[in-house]
């Protein structure tokens, strides 16, 4: 059971990274073309946020199952900050009036979130695109 949780947590990372790249790409496209902000951006941001939250819940399950070692502290902190960052950006943009919404907060927020995720993965000695069941 413990190993299965670890493999699921490790595999969901690809979903999180994919959603992050899609969100960032769409936000950059909207910013570069000066298109009006649309609902698809908000949907992508919500999906990215949900995938990060799912990953955090899986990570908590892994830690509670007994897989804790001191190097995880940096990993956990980075992932919590990543979840907070993406949540704040999505929540703020959702609450803004439609005419006040813009692409730039999504670009910056998604870049910061992805950087925190990548550095958080590297904090435990793993590659963001590698697979390991340690």
N, C-alpha and C. Protein backbone atom coordinates (compact mmCIF):
# COMPACT_ATOMS: atom_id res chain seq x y z
N UNK A 1 0.83 -1.20 0.00
CA UNK A 1 0.00 0.00 0.00
C UNK A 1 0.86 1.26 0.00
N UNK A 2 1.91 1.25 0.84
CA UNK A 2 2.78 2.42 0.94
C UNK A 2 3.47 2.66 -0.40
N UNK A 3 3.99 1.60 -1.00
CA UNK A 3 4.70 1.74 -2.27
C UNK A 3 3.74 2.21 -3.37
N UNK A 4 2.51 1.71 -3.35
CA UNK A 4 1.51 2.12 -4.34
C UNK A 4 1.24 3.62 -4.23
N UNK A 5 1.07 4.12 -3.00
CA UNK A 5 0.86 5.55 -2.80
C UNK A 5 2.02 6.36 -3.35
N UNK A 6 3.23 5.88 -3.10
CA UNK A 6 4.42 6.59 -3.58
C UNK A 6 4.46 6.62 -5.11
N UNK A 7 4.11 5.49 -5.75
CA UNK A 7 4.09 5.46 -7.22
C UNK A 7 3.00 6.37 -7.78
N UNK A 8 1.85 6.39 -7.15
CA UNK A 8 0.77 7.28 -7.60
C UNK A 8 1.20 8.73 -7.46
N UNK A 9 1.78 9.07 -6.30
CA UNK A 9 2.26 10.43 -6.06
C UNK A 9 3.32 10.82 -7.09
N UNK A 10 4.21 9.90 -7.38
CA UNK A 10 5.27 10.16 -8.35
C UNK A 10 4.70 10.30 -9.76
N UNK A 11 3.70 9.52 -10.10
CA UNK A 11 3.11 9.57 -11.44
C UNK A 11 2.22 10.77 -11.68
N UNK A 12 1.49 11.20 -10.66
CA UNK A 12 0.59 12.36 -10.80
C UNK A 12 1.40 13.63 -11.08
N UNK A 13 2.67 13.60 -10.73
CA UNK A 13 3.55 14.74 -11.02
C UNK A 13 3.48 15.12 -12.50
N UNK A 14 3.39 14.14 -13.38
CA UNK A 14 3.33 14.43 -14.81
C UNK A 14 2.04 15.16 -15.18
N UNK A 15 0.94 14.79 -14.56
CA UNK A 15 -0.32 15.49 -14.78
C UNK A 15 -0.20 16.94 -14.32
N UNK A 16 0.40 17.15 -13.16
CA UNK A 16 0.59 18.50 -12.62
C UNK A 16 1.46 19.33 -13.57
N UNK A 17 2.58 18.76 -14.00
CA UNK A 17 3.47 19.50 -14.90
C UNK A 17 2.79 19.78 -16.24
N UNK A 18 2.04 18.81 -16.77
CA UNK A 18 1.32 19.02 -18.03
C UNK A 18 0.30 20.15 -17.89
N UNK A 19 -0.48 20.12 -16.81
CA UNK A 19 -1.48 21.18 -16.60
C UNK A 19 -0.80 22.54 -16.43
N UNK A 20 0.34 22.56 -15.77
CA UNK A 20 1.08 23.81 -15.61
C UNK A 20 1.58 24.36 -16.93
N UNK A 21 2.12 23.48 -17.77
CA UNK A 21 2.62 23.91 -19.08
C UNK A 21 1.46 24.40 -19.96
N UNK A 22 0.34 23.69 -19.94
CA UNK A 22 -0.83 24.13 -20.71
C UNK A 22 -1.34 25.48 -20.23
N UNK A 23 -1.42 25.65 -18.92
CA UNK A 23 -1.89 26.92 -18.35
C UNK A 23 -0.95 28.05 -18.72
N UNK A 24 0.34 27.82 -18.56
CA UNK A 24 1.33 28.84 -18.90
C UNK A 24 1.29 29.16 -20.39
N UNK A 25 1.22 28.14 -21.23
CA UNK A 25 1.18 28.36 -22.68
C UNK A 25 -0.03 29.17 -23.11
N UNK A 26 -1.19 28.85 -22.55
CA UNK A 26 -2.41 29.57 -22.91
C UNK A 26 -2.34 31.02 -22.44
N UNK A 27 -1.81 31.22 -21.23
CA UNK A 27 -1.68 32.59 -20.70
C UNK A 27 -0.69 33.40 -21.52
N UNK A 28 0.43 32.79 -21.91
CA UNK A 28 1.41 33.49 -22.74
C UNK A 28 0.83 33.82 -24.11
N UNK A 29 0.07 32.89 -24.68
CA UNK A 29 -0.57 33.13 -25.97
C UNK A 29 -1.54 34.30 -25.87
N UNK A 30 -2.36 34.30 -24.83
CA UNK A 30 -3.32 35.40 -24.63
C UNK A 30 -2.63 36.73 -24.43
N UNK A 31 -1.54 36.72 -23.67
CA UNK A 31 -0.79 37.95 -23.42
C UNK A 31 -0.12 38.45 -24.70
N UNK A 32 0.49 37.54 -25.45
CA UNK A 32 1.21 37.92 -26.67
C UNK A 32 0.28 38.43 -27.76
N UNK A 33 -0.90 37.85 -27.87
CA UNK A 33 -1.83 38.25 -28.93
C UNK A 33 -2.79 39.35 -28.49
N UNK A 34 -2.69 39.74 -27.21
CA UNK A 34 -3.55 40.79 -26.65
C UNK A 34 -5.04 40.47 -26.82
N UNK A 35 -5.35 39.19 -26.77
CA UNK A 35 -6.75 38.76 -26.84
C UNK A 35 -7.46 39.17 -25.56
N UNK A 36 -8.77 39.31 -25.64
CA UNK A 36 -9.52 39.54 -24.40
C UNK A 36 -9.45 38.29 -23.52
N UNK A 37 -9.43 38.50 -22.23
CA UNK A 37 -9.39 37.40 -21.27
C UNK A 37 -10.66 36.56 -21.46
N UNK A 38 -10.50 35.23 -21.43
CA UNK A 38 -11.67 34.38 -21.64
C UNK A 38 -11.81 33.33 -20.53
N UNK A 39 -12.93 32.64 -20.56
CA UNK A 39 -13.25 31.65 -19.52
C UNK A 39 -12.33 30.43 -19.59
N UNK A 40 -11.78 30.14 -20.75
CA UNK A 40 -10.89 29.00 -20.89
C UNK A 40 -9.65 29.17 -20.00
N UNK A 41 -9.17 30.40 -19.88
CA UNK A 41 -8.02 30.65 -19.02
C UNK A 41 -8.35 30.31 -17.58
N UNK A 42 -9.51 30.72 -17.14
CA UNK A 42 -9.93 30.44 -15.77
C UNK A 42 -10.12 28.93 -15.56
N UNK A 43 -10.64 28.25 -16.55
CA UNK A 43 -10.82 26.79 -16.45
C UNK A 43 -9.47 26.07 -16.35
N UNK A 44 -8.53 26.47 -17.21
CA UNK A 44 -7.20 25.86 -17.16
C UNK A 44 -6.53 26.12 -15.81
N UNK A 45 -6.65 27.35 -15.33
CA UNK A 45 -6.05 27.69 -14.03
C UNK A 45 -6.67 26.86 -12.91
N UNK A 46 -7.98 26.66 -12.97
CA UNK A 46 -8.65 25.84 -11.95
C UNK A 46 -8.19 24.38 -12.02
N UNK A 47 -8.04 23.86 -13.23
CA UNK A 47 -7.58 22.49 -13.38
C UNK A 47 -6.14 22.33 -12.87
N UNK A 48 -5.30 23.32 -13.16
CA UNK A 48 -3.93 23.29 -12.66
C UNK A 48 -3.93 23.32 -11.14
N UNK A 49 -4.72 24.22 -10.57
CA UNK A 49 -4.82 24.33 -9.11
C UNK A 49 -5.33 23.02 -8.51
N UNK A 50 -6.34 22.43 -9.12
CA UNK A 50 -6.88 21.16 -8.61
C UNK A 50 -5.84 20.04 -8.68
N UNK A 51 -5.06 20.01 -9.75
CA UNK A 51 -4.03 18.97 -9.86
C UNK A 51 -2.94 19.15 -8.81
N UNK A 52 -2.58 20.40 -8.53
CA UNK A 52 -1.59 20.66 -7.47
C UNK A 52 -2.16 20.23 -6.11
N UNK A 53 -3.42 20.55 -5.86
CA UNK A 53 -4.04 20.16 -4.59
C UNK A 53 -4.12 18.64 -4.46
N UNK A 54 -4.47 17.95 -5.54
CA UNK A 54 -4.49 16.49 -5.52
C UNK A 54 -3.11 15.95 -5.16
N UNK A 55 -2.08 16.53 -5.75
CA UNK A 55 -0.71 16.09 -5.48
C UNK A 55 -0.33 16.32 -4.02
N UNK A 56 -0.76 17.44 -3.46
CA UNK A 56 -0.47 17.72 -2.04
C UNK A 56 -1.17 16.69 -1.15
N UNK A 57 -2.42 16.39 -1.46
CA UNK A 57 -3.16 15.39 -0.66
C UNK A 57 -2.47 14.02 -0.75
N UNK A 58 -2.05 13.64 -1.94
CA UNK A 58 -1.33 12.38 -2.10
C UNK A 58 -0.01 12.40 -1.32
N UNK A 59 0.67 13.54 -1.36
CA UNK A 59 1.92 13.68 -0.60
C UNK A 59 1.71 13.54 0.89
N UNK A 60 0.64 14.13 1.39
CA UNK A 60 0.31 14.00 2.82
C UNK A 60 0.04 12.53 3.15
N UNK A 61 -0.66 11.84 2.27
CA UNK A 61 -0.94 10.41 2.49
C UNK A 61 0.36 9.61 2.52
N UNK A 62 1.30 9.94 1.65
CA UNK A 62 2.59 9.24 1.64
C UNK A 62 3.33 9.48 2.96
N UNK A 63 3.36 10.73 3.41
CA UNK A 63 4.05 11.05 4.67
C UNK A 63 3.37 10.36 5.85
N UNK A 64 2.04 10.37 5.88
CA UNK A 64 1.32 9.73 6.98
C UNK A 64 1.46 8.21 6.97
N UNK A 65 1.82 7.66 5.81
CA UNK A 65 2.00 6.21 5.73
C UNK A 65 3.36 5.77 6.27
N UNK A 66 4.17 6.72 6.69
CA UNK A 66 5.43 6.37 7.31
C UNK A 66 6.66 6.64 6.47
N UNK A 67 6.51 7.26 5.31
CA UNK A 67 7.65 7.55 4.44
C UNK A 67 8.16 8.97 4.71
N UNK A 68 8.73 9.21 5.88
CA UNK A 68 9.23 10.55 6.19
C UNK A 68 10.72 10.46 6.50
N UNK A 69 11.47 11.39 5.92
CA UNK A 69 12.89 11.55 6.25
C UNK A 69 13.18 13.04 6.17
N UNK A 70 14.26 13.47 6.79
CA UNK A 70 14.50 14.90 6.99
C UNK A 70 14.57 15.71 5.69
N UNK A 71 15.03 15.13 4.60
CA UNK A 71 15.11 15.86 3.34
C UNK A 71 13.73 16.26 2.81
N UNK A 72 12.70 15.61 3.31
CA UNK A 72 11.34 15.93 2.85
C UNK A 72 10.85 17.29 3.33
N UNK A 73 11.48 17.84 4.35
CA UNK A 73 11.02 19.13 4.88
C UNK A 73 11.07 20.20 3.80
N UNK A 74 12.17 20.29 3.08
CA UNK A 74 12.28 21.27 1.98
C UNK A 74 11.28 20.99 0.88
N UNK A 75 11.09 19.73 0.56
CA UNK A 75 10.13 19.32 -0.47
C UNK A 75 8.72 19.73 -0.07
N UNK A 76 8.36 19.43 1.16
CA UNK A 76 7.01 19.75 1.65
C UNK A 76 6.77 21.25 1.63
N UNK A 77 7.74 22.02 2.11
CA UNK A 77 7.58 23.48 2.16
C UNK A 77 7.41 24.06 0.75
N UNK A 78 8.23 23.61 -0.19
CA UNK A 78 8.13 24.11 -1.57
C UNK A 78 6.77 23.78 -2.16
N UNK A 79 6.27 22.58 -1.92
CA UNK A 79 4.99 22.17 -2.48
C UNK A 79 3.82 22.92 -1.85
N UNK A 80 3.92 23.19 -0.56
CA UNK A 80 2.87 23.98 0.10
C UNK A 80 2.86 25.39 -0.47
N UNK A 81 4.04 25.99 -0.65
CA UNK A 81 4.11 27.33 -1.25
C UNK A 81 3.58 27.32 -2.68
N UNK A 82 3.87 26.25 -3.42
CA UNK A 82 3.35 26.14 -4.79
C UNK A 82 1.83 26.08 -4.79
N UNK A 83 1.26 25.30 -3.88
CA UNK A 83 -0.20 25.19 -3.79
C UNK A 83 -0.82 26.52 -3.40
N UNK A 84 -0.20 27.22 -2.47
CA UNK A 84 -0.71 28.53 -2.05
C UNK A 84 -0.65 29.52 -3.21
N UNK A 85 0.46 29.53 -3.93
CA UNK A 85 0.63 30.47 -5.05
C UNK A 85 -0.44 30.27 -6.11
N UNK A 86 -0.62 29.05 -6.56
CA UNK A 86 -1.62 28.81 -7.62
C UNK A 86 -3.04 29.06 -7.12
N UNK A 87 -3.29 28.76 -5.85
CA UNK A 87 -4.62 29.00 -5.28
C UNK A 87 -4.93 30.48 -5.21
N UNK A 88 -3.97 31.27 -4.77
CA UNK A 88 -4.18 32.72 -4.64
C UNK A 88 -4.45 33.34 -6.00
N UNK A 89 -3.63 33.01 -7.00
CA UNK A 89 -3.83 33.59 -8.34
C UNK A 89 -5.20 33.23 -8.89
N UNK A 90 -5.57 31.97 -8.81
CA UNK A 90 -6.86 31.53 -9.34
C UNK A 90 -8.02 32.19 -8.59
N UNK A 91 -7.92 32.27 -7.28
CA UNK A 91 -9.00 32.87 -6.48
C UNK A 91 -9.14 34.36 -6.77
N UNK A 92 -8.02 35.06 -6.86
CA UNK A 92 -8.08 36.51 -7.12
C UNK A 92 -8.67 36.77 -8.50
N UNK A 93 -8.23 36.02 -9.50
CA UNK A 93 -8.73 36.26 -10.85
C UNK A 93 -10.21 35.88 -10.97
N UNK A 94 -10.63 34.88 -10.24
CA UNK A 94 -12.04 34.48 -10.28
C UNK A 94 -12.93 35.55 -9.65
N UNK A 95 -12.43 36.22 -8.63
CA UNK A 95 -13.23 37.22 -7.93
C UNK A 95 -13.23 38.59 -8.61
N UNK A 96 -12.27 38.82 -9.48
CA UNK A 96 -12.23 40.10 -10.19
C UNK A 96 -13.40 40.20 -11.16
N UNK A 97 -13.79 41.42 -11.41
CA UNK A 97 -14.81 41.65 -12.44
C UNK A 97 -14.24 41.17 -13.78
N UNK A 98 -15.08 40.61 -14.65
CA UNK A 98 -14.57 40.07 -15.93
C UNK A 98 -13.73 41.06 -16.73
N UNK A 99 -14.11 42.32 -16.73
CA UNK A 99 -13.33 43.30 -17.50
C UNK A 99 -12.00 43.65 -16.84
N UNK A 100 -11.81 43.30 -15.57
CA UNK A 100 -10.56 43.60 -14.86
C UNK A 100 -9.59 42.42 -14.88
N UNK A 101 -10.00 41.28 -15.39
CA UNK A 101 -9.13 40.11 -15.44
C UNK A 101 -8.08 40.27 -16.54
N UNK A 102 -6.89 39.73 -16.27
CA UNK A 102 -5.82 39.84 -17.27
C UNK A 102 -4.97 38.56 -17.28
N UNK A 103 -4.14 38.46 -18.28
CA UNK A 103 -3.32 37.27 -18.50
C UNK A 103 -2.07 37.25 -17.63
N UNK A 104 -1.51 38.41 -17.34
CA UNK A 104 -0.22 38.49 -16.67
C UNK A 104 -0.18 37.79 -15.30
N UNK A 105 -1.19 37.95 -14.44
CA UNK A 105 -1.12 37.21 -13.17
C UNK A 105 -1.02 35.69 -13.36
N UNK A 106 -1.66 35.18 -14.39
CA UNK A 106 -1.56 33.74 -14.66
C UNK A 106 -0.16 33.36 -15.13
N UNK A 107 0.44 34.21 -15.97
CA UNK A 107 1.80 33.93 -16.43
C UNK A 107 2.75 33.90 -15.24
N UNK A 108 2.73 34.95 -14.44
CA UNK A 108 3.65 35.04 -13.30
C UNK A 108 3.36 33.95 -12.26
N UNK A 109 2.09 33.79 -11.90
CA UNK A 109 1.72 32.80 -10.90
C UNK A 109 2.06 31.38 -11.32
N UNK A 110 1.81 31.06 -12.58
CA UNK A 110 2.11 29.71 -13.07
C UNK A 110 3.61 29.47 -13.14
N UNK A 111 4.37 30.48 -13.57
CA UNK A 111 5.83 30.36 -13.60
C UNK A 111 6.39 30.13 -12.19
N UNK A 112 5.92 30.92 -11.24
CA UNK A 112 6.38 30.76 -9.85
C UNK A 112 6.00 29.39 -9.31
N UNK A 113 4.77 28.97 -9.57
CA UNK A 113 4.31 27.67 -9.09
C UNK A 113 5.13 26.54 -9.70
N UNK A 114 5.36 26.59 -11.01
CA UNK A 114 6.15 25.54 -11.66
C UNK A 114 7.59 25.53 -11.14
N UNK A 115 8.17 26.71 -10.92
CA UNK A 115 9.53 26.78 -10.38
C UNK A 115 9.58 26.15 -8.98
N UNK A 116 8.60 26.47 -8.14
CA UNK A 116 8.56 25.88 -6.80
C UNK A 116 8.41 24.36 -6.87
N UNK A 117 7.59 23.89 -7.80
CA UNK A 117 7.41 22.44 -7.95
C UNK A 117 8.70 21.77 -8.39
N UNK A 118 9.36 22.34 -9.40
CA UNK A 118 10.61 21.76 -9.90
C UNK A 118 11.68 21.75 -8.81
N UNK A 119 11.84 22.87 -8.11
CA UNK A 119 12.84 22.92 -7.04
C UNK A 119 12.45 22.02 -5.87
N UNK A 120 11.16 21.88 -5.63
CA UNK A 120 10.70 20.97 -4.58
C UNK A 120 11.01 19.52 -4.90
N UNK A 121 10.87 19.16 -6.16
CA UNK A 121 11.21 17.79 -6.58
C UNK A 121 12.71 17.58 -6.47
N UNK A 122 13.47 18.58 -6.90
CA UNK A 122 14.93 18.47 -6.84
C UNK A 122 15.44 18.46 -5.39
N UNK A 123 14.67 19.02 -4.47
CA UNK A 123 15.08 19.06 -3.05
C UNK A 123 15.21 17.66 -2.45
N UNK A 124 14.52 16.69 -3.04
CA UNK A 124 14.63 15.32 -2.53
C UNK A 124 15.49 14.46 -3.46
N UNK A 125 16.26 15.12 -4.32
CA UNK A 125 17.21 14.40 -5.16
C UNK A 125 16.61 13.67 -6.34
N UNK A 126 15.48 14.14 -6.82
CA UNK A 126 14.84 13.50 -7.97
C UNK A 126 14.78 14.47 -9.13
N UNK A 127 14.60 13.91 -10.30
CA UNK A 127 14.44 14.71 -11.51
C UNK A 127 12.95 14.99 -11.72
N UNK A 128 12.60 16.21 -12.13
CA UNK A 128 11.18 16.50 -12.38
C UNK A 128 10.55 15.59 -13.42
N UNK A 129 11.35 15.07 -14.35
CA UNK A 129 10.79 14.22 -15.40
C UNK A 129 11.20 12.76 -15.26
N UNK A 130 11.91 12.42 -14.20
CA UNK A 130 12.32 11.03 -13.97
C UNK A 130 11.29 10.30 -13.13
N UNK A 131 11.39 8.98 -13.11
CA UNK A 131 10.44 8.18 -12.32
C UNK A 131 11.25 7.35 -11.33
N UNK A 132 10.85 7.41 -10.09
CA UNK A 132 11.55 6.66 -9.06
C UNK A 132 10.57 6.21 -8.00
N UNK A 133 10.75 5.04 -7.50
CA UNK A 133 9.87 4.52 -6.46
C UNK A 133 10.57 4.38 -5.13
N UNK A 134 11.62 5.18 -4.91
CA UNK A 134 12.35 5.11 -3.65
C UNK A 134 11.48 5.38 -2.48
